[in-house]
Amino acid sequence: MQPVWQRIHQEALAPYQRHEIGGDEFLTRATKPVRDFMLKHTRKKDLALFVAMGQTEKPQNPDAVALTSIIPAFAISELKTAFEIGFVLYIPFI
């Protein structure tokens, strides 16, 4: 996550603090790195589930996927990974 936060600082926060961009532009620039990170680390199956649950058209490209679908899909993917790791660590103690 460190590279993501550095990118947000360089592309969004620093210009915002220097009053070079407004709040809307700050949010637009700040969400791009987070969106890219979450899409990279989200299982496609989980993302497809939340896109379908959102009852929206199938996005043509990753930039068209709404954050309201990406965020819960990322959370579910991370939870699945955590449970898998926990299970693998637990097995030797059985």
N, C-alpha and C. Protein backbone atom coordinates (compact mmCIF):
# COMPACT_ATOMS: atom_id res chain seq x y z
N MET A 1 0.81 -1.20 0.00
CA MET A 1 0.00 0.00 0.00
C MET A 1 0.86 1.27 0.00
N GLN A 2 2.09 1.16 0.42
CA GLN A 2 2.95 2.35 0.47
C GLN A 2 3.04 3.07 -0.88
N PRO A 3 3.26 2.34 -1.98
CA PRO A 3 3.30 3.05 -3.27
C PRO A 3 1.98 3.74 -3.61
N VAL A 4 0.87 3.15 -3.18
CA VAL A 4 -0.43 3.76 -3.45
C VAL A 4 -0.54 5.09 -2.71
N TRP A 5 -0.16 5.10 -1.44
CA TRP A 5 -0.26 6.33 -0.65
C TRP A 5 0.71 7.39 -1.15
N GLN A 6 1.89 6.96 -1.61
CA GLN A 6 2.83 7.92 -2.18
C GLN A 6 2.25 8.56 -3.44
N ARG A 7 1.63 7.73 -4.25
CA ARG A 7 1.02 8.24 -5.48
C ARG A 7 -0.11 9.21 -5.17
N ILE A 8 -0.92 8.88 -4.18
CA ILE A 8 -2.01 9.78 -3.78
C ILE A 8 -1.44 11.10 -3.30
N HIS A 9 -0.38 11.02 -2.52
CA HIS A 9 0.23 12.25 -2.00
C HIS A 9 0.77 13.11 -3.14
N GLN A 10 1.47 12.49 -4.07
CA GLN A 10 2.07 13.24 -5.17
C GLN A 10 1.03 13.80 -6.13
N GLU A 11 0.05 12.98 -6.49
CA GLU A 11 -0.89 13.38 -7.53
C GLU A 11 -2.11 14.14 -7.02
N ALA A 12 -2.46 13.96 -5.75
CA ALA A 12 -3.70 14.57 -5.26
C ALA A 12 -3.50 15.46 -4.04
N LEU A 13 -2.89 14.93 -3.00
CA LEU A 13 -2.81 15.68 -1.75
C LEU A 13 -1.92 16.91 -1.84
N ALA A 14 -0.72 16.74 -2.38
CA ALA A 14 0.20 17.88 -2.46
C ALA A 14 -0.39 19.03 -3.29
N PRO A 15 -0.93 18.76 -4.49
CA PRO A 15 -1.54 19.87 -5.24
C PRO A 15 -2.74 20.49 -4.51
N TYR A 16 -3.48 19.67 -3.80
CA TYR A 16 -4.63 20.19 -3.05
C TYR A 16 -4.17 21.11 -1.92
N GLN A 17 -3.12 20.70 -1.23
CA GLN A 17 -2.60 21.53 -0.13
C GLN A 17 -1.99 22.83 -0.64
N ARG A 18 -1.49 22.81 -1.87
CA ARG A 18 -0.94 24.04 -2.47
C ARG A 18 -2.03 24.87 -3.14
N HIS A 19 -3.29 24.44 -3.00
CA HIS A 19 -4.45 25.12 -3.57
C HIS A 19 -4.38 25.21 -5.09
N GLU A 20 -3.77 24.19 -5.70
CA GLU A 20 -3.71 24.13 -7.16
C GLU A 20 -4.93 23.44 -7.75
N ILE A 21 -5.57 22.60 -6.95
CA ILE A 21 -6.78 21.90 -7.40
C ILE A 21 -7.85 22.01 -6.32
N GLY A 22 -9.09 21.81 -6.73
CA GLY A 22 -10.20 21.87 -5.79
C GLY A 22 -10.51 20.51 -5.18
N GLY A 23 -11.52 20.50 -4.35
CA GLY A 23 -11.90 19.28 -3.64
C GLY A 23 -12.38 18.17 -4.56
N ASP A 24 -13.15 18.52 -5.58
CA ASP A 24 -13.64 17.50 -6.51
C ASP A 24 -12.50 16.85 -7.28
N GLU A 25 -11.58 17.66 -7.74
CA GLU A 25 -10.43 17.14 -8.47
C GLU A 25 -9.54 16.31 -7.55
N PHE A 26 -9.42 16.73 -6.30
CA PHE A 26 -8.65 15.96 -5.32
C PHE A 26 -9.22 14.56 -5.17
N LEU A 27 -10.54 14.47 -5.00
CA LEU A 27 -11.17 13.15 -4.84
C LEU A 27 -11.02 12.29 -6.09
N THR A 28 -11.14 12.90 -7.23
CA THR A 28 -10.99 12.16 -8.49
C THR A 28 -9.58 11.60 -8.61
N ARG A 29 -8.59 12.43 -8.32
CA ARG A 29 -7.20 11.98 -8.41
C ARG A 29 -6.85 10.97 -7.32
N ALA A 30 -7.41 11.13 -6.14
CA ALA A 30 -7.07 10.25 -5.02
C ALA A 30 -7.69 8.87 -5.17
N THR A 31 -8.86 8.79 -5.78
CA THR A 31 -9.51 7.48 -5.90
C THR A 31 -8.89 6.60 -6.97
N LYS A 32 -8.24 7.18 -7.95
CA LYS A 32 -7.66 6.39 -9.04
C LYS A 32 -6.63 5.37 -8.54
N PRO A 33 -5.63 5.76 -7.75
CA PRO A 33 -4.67 4.76 -7.27
C PRO A 33 -5.31 3.70 -6.37
N VAL A 34 -6.26 4.11 -5.54
CA VAL A 34 -6.93 3.16 -4.65
C VAL A 34 -7.76 2.18 -5.48
N ARG A 35 -8.45 2.71 -6.46
CA ARG A 35 -9.25 1.87 -7.37
C ARG A 35 -8.36 0.85 -8.07
N ASP A 36 -7.24 1.30 -8.60
CA ASP A 36 -6.31 0.40 -9.30
C ASP A 36 -5.81 -0.70 -8.36
N PHE A 37 -5.45 -0.32 -7.14
CA PHE A 37 -4.96 -1.29 -6.16
C PHE A 37 -6.04 -2.33 -5.84
N MET A 38 -7.25 -1.84 -5.58
CA MET A 38 -8.32 -2.77 -5.22
C MET A 38 -8.67 -3.70 -6.38
N LEU A 39 -8.71 -3.17 -7.59
CA LEU A 39 -9.01 -4.02 -8.75
C LEU A 39 -7.93 -5.08 -8.95
N LYS A 40 -6.69 -4.70 -8.71
CA LYS A 40 -5.58 -5.63 -8.88
C LYS A 40 -5.66 -6.78 -7.87
N HIS A 41 -6.17 -6.49 -6.67
CA HIS A 41 -6.17 -7.48 -5.59
C HIS A 41 -7.56 -8.05 -5.30
N THR A 42 -8.48 -7.90 -6.22
CA THR A 42 -9.83 -8.43 -6.05
C THR A 42 -10.04 -9.60 -6.99
N ARG A 43 -10.62 -10.64 -6.46
CA ARG A 43 -10.93 -11.80 -7.31
C ARG A 43 -12.02 -11.40 -8.30
N LYS A 44 -11.84 -11.81 -9.53
CA LYS A 44 -12.79 -11.47 -10.60
C LYS A 44 -14.19 -11.99 -10.28
N LYS A 45 -14.24 -13.16 -9.68
CA LYS A 45 -15.52 -13.77 -9.33
C LYS A 45 -16.28 -12.91 -8.31
N ASP A 46 -15.56 -12.38 -7.33
CA ASP A 46 -16.19 -11.52 -6.32
C ASP A 46 -16.66 -10.21 -6.94
N LEU A 47 -15.85 -9.67 -7.81
CA LEU A 47 -16.22 -8.42 -8.47
C LEU A 47 -17.46 -8.62 -9.34
N ALA A 48 -17.49 -9.73 -10.06
CA ALA A 48 -18.65 -10.03 -10.91
C ALA A 48 -19.92 -10.17 -10.06
N LEU A 49 -19.78 -10.75 -8.88
CA LEU A 49 -20.93 -10.90 -7.99
C LEU A 49 -21.52 -9.54 -7.61
N PHE A 50 -20.67 -8.62 -7.21
CA PHE A 50 -21.17 -7.31 -6.78
C PHE A 50 -21.63 -6.44 -7.94
N VAL A 51 -21.04 -6.62 -9.10
CA VAL A 51 -21.54 -5.91 -10.28
C VAL A 51 -22.94 -6.41 -10.61
N ALA A 52 -23.13 -7.72 -10.54
CA ALA A 52 -24.45 -8.29 -10.81
C ALA A 52 -25.47 -7.86 -9.76
N MET A 53 -25.04 -7.81 -8.50
CA MET A 53 -25.95 -7.40 -7.43
C MET A 53 -26.35 -5.94 -7.57
N GLY A 54 -25.48 -5.15 -8.17
CA GLY A 54 -25.77 -3.74 -8.37
C GLY A 54 -26.78 -3.49 -9.47
N GLN A 55 -27.10 -4.52 -10.20
CA GLN A 55 -28.09 -4.46 -11.28
C GLN A 55 -27.79 -3.32 -12.26
N THR A 56 -26.52 -3.23 -12.62
CA THR A 56 -26.11 -2.25 -13.62
C THR A 56 -25.61 -2.99 -14.85
N GLU A 57 -25.39 -2.25 -15.90
CA GLU A 57 -24.86 -2.87 -17.11
C GLU A 57 -23.45 -3.38 -16.85
N LYS A 58 -23.09 -4.42 -17.58
CA LYS A 58 -21.74 -4.97 -17.44
C LYS A 58 -20.75 -3.92 -17.93
N PRO A 59 -19.78 -3.56 -17.10
CA PRO A 59 -18.82 -2.52 -17.50
C PRO A 59 -17.93 -2.99 -18.65
N GLN A 60 -17.62 -2.07 -19.53
CA GLN A 60 -16.80 -2.40 -20.70
C GLN A 60 -15.32 -2.45 -20.37
N ASN A 61 -14.90 -1.69 -19.35
CA ASN A 61 -13.50 -1.67 -18.94
C ASN A 61 -13.43 -1.46 -17.43
N PRO A 62 -12.27 -1.68 -16.83
CA PRO A 62 -12.16 -1.54 -15.37
C PRO A 62 -12.50 -0.14 -14.84
N ASP A 63 -12.26 0.88 -15.63
CA ASP A 63 -12.57 2.23 -15.18
C ASP A 63 -14.07 2.48 -15.08
N ALA A 64 -14.85 1.65 -15.73
CA ALA A 64 -16.30 1.82 -15.72
C ALA A 64 -16.97 1.15 -14.52
N VAL A 65 -16.22 0.35 -13.78
CA VAL A 65 -16.79 -0.33 -12.61
C VAL A 65 -16.94 0.69 -11.48
N ALA A 66 -18.11 0.70 -10.88
CA ALA A 66 -18.40 1.66 -9.81
C ALA A 66 -17.66 1.26 -8.53
N LEU A 67 -17.26 2.27 -7.77
CA LEU A 67 -16.62 2.01 -6.49
C LEU A 67 -17.55 1.26 -5.54
N THR A 68 -18.84 1.43 -5.71
CA THR A 68 -19.80 0.72 -4.86
C THR A 68 -19.78 -0.78 -5.12
N SER A 69 -19.20 -1.19 -6.22
CA SER A 69 -19.01 -2.62 -6.49
C SER A 69 -17.59 -3.06 -6.12
N ILE A 70 -16.63 -2.19 -6.35
CA ILE A 70 -15.23 -2.55 -6.11
C ILE A 70 -14.93 -2.72 -4.62
N ILE A 71 -15.40 -1.80 -3.81
CA ILE A 71 -15.06 -1.82 -2.38
C ILE A 71 -15.55 -3.08 -1.69
N PRO A 72 -16.83 -3.46 -1.81
CA PRO A 72 -17.25 -4.70 -1.14
C PRO A 72 -16.60 -5.95 -1.74
N ALA A 73 -16.36 -5.95 -3.05
CA ALA A 73 -15.70 -7.10 -3.67
C ALA A 73 -14.28 -7.25 -3.14
N PHE A 74 -13.59 -6.14 -2.97
CA PHE A 74 -12.24 -6.17 -2.40
C PHE A 74 -12.28 -6.70 -0.97
N ALA A 75 -13.23 -6.22 -0.19
CA ALA A 75 -13.34 -6.67 1.21
C ALA A 75 -13.60 -8.17 1.28
N ILE A 76 -14.50 -8.67 0.46
CA ILE A 76 -14.80 -10.10 0.45
C ILE A 76 -13.58 -10.90 0.01
N SER A 77 -12.88 -10.42 -0.98
CA SER A 77 -11.67 -11.11 -1.45
C SER A 77 -10.62 -11.19 -0.34
N GLU A 78 -10.45 -10.09 0.37
CA GLU A 78 -9.47 -10.08 1.46
C GLU A 78 -9.90 -11.00 2.60
N LEU A 79 -11.18 -11.03 2.89
CA LEU A 79 -11.68 -11.93 3.94
C LEU A 79 -11.47 -13.40 3.55
N LYS A 80 -11.73 -13.72 2.30
CA LYS A 80 -11.51 -15.09 1.84
C LYS A 80 -10.04 -15.47 1.98
N THR A 81 -9.17 -14.57 1.59
CA THR A 81 -7.73 -14.83 1.70
C THR A 81 -7.33 -15.02 3.16
N ALA A 82 -7.86 -14.19 4.03
CA ALA A 82 -7.53 -14.30 5.46
C ALA A 82 -8.01 -15.63 6.03
N PHE A 83 -9.21 -16.06 5.67
CA PHE A 83 -9.71 -17.35 6.15
C PHE A 83 -8.86 -18.50 5.61
N GLU A 84 -8.45 -18.41 4.37
CA GLU A 84 -7.60 -19.46 3.80
C GLU A 84 -6.27 -19.54 4.53
N ILE A 85 -5.66 -18.41 4.80
CA ILE A 85 -4.39 -18.38 5.53
C ILE A 85 -4.59 -18.93 6.94
N GLY A 86 -5.65 -18.49 7.60
CA GLY A 86 -5.94 -18.97 8.95
C GLY A 86 -6.16 -20.47 8.98
N PHE A 87 -6.85 -21.00 7.99
CA PHE A 87 -7.10 -22.43 7.93
C PHE A 87 -5.81 -23.20 7.72
N VAL A 88 -4.97 -22.73 6.82
CA VAL A 88 -3.69 -23.39 6.55
C VAL A 88 -2.80 -23.37 7.79
N LEU A 89 -2.83 -22.30 8.53
CA LEU A 89 -2.03 -22.23 9.75
C LEU A 89 -2.60 -23.11 10.86
N TYR A 90 -3.90 -23.32 10.85
CA TYR A 90 -4.56 -24.10 11.89
C TYR A 90 -4.39 -25.60 11.69
N ILE A 91 -4.34 -26.06 10.45
CA ILE A 91 -4.29 -27.49 10.14
C ILE A 91 -3.16 -28.23 10.87
N PRO A 92 -1.95 -27.72 10.93
CA PRO A 92 -0.88 -28.49 11.60
C PRO A 92 -1.16 -28.75 13.09
N PHE A 93 -2.01 -27.98 13.70
CA PHE A 93 -2.27 -28.14 15.13
C PHE A 93 -3.43 -29.08 15.43
N ILE A 94 -4.01 -29.66 14.40
CA ILE A 94 -5.13 -30.59 14.61
C ILE A 94 -4.60 -31.97 14.90
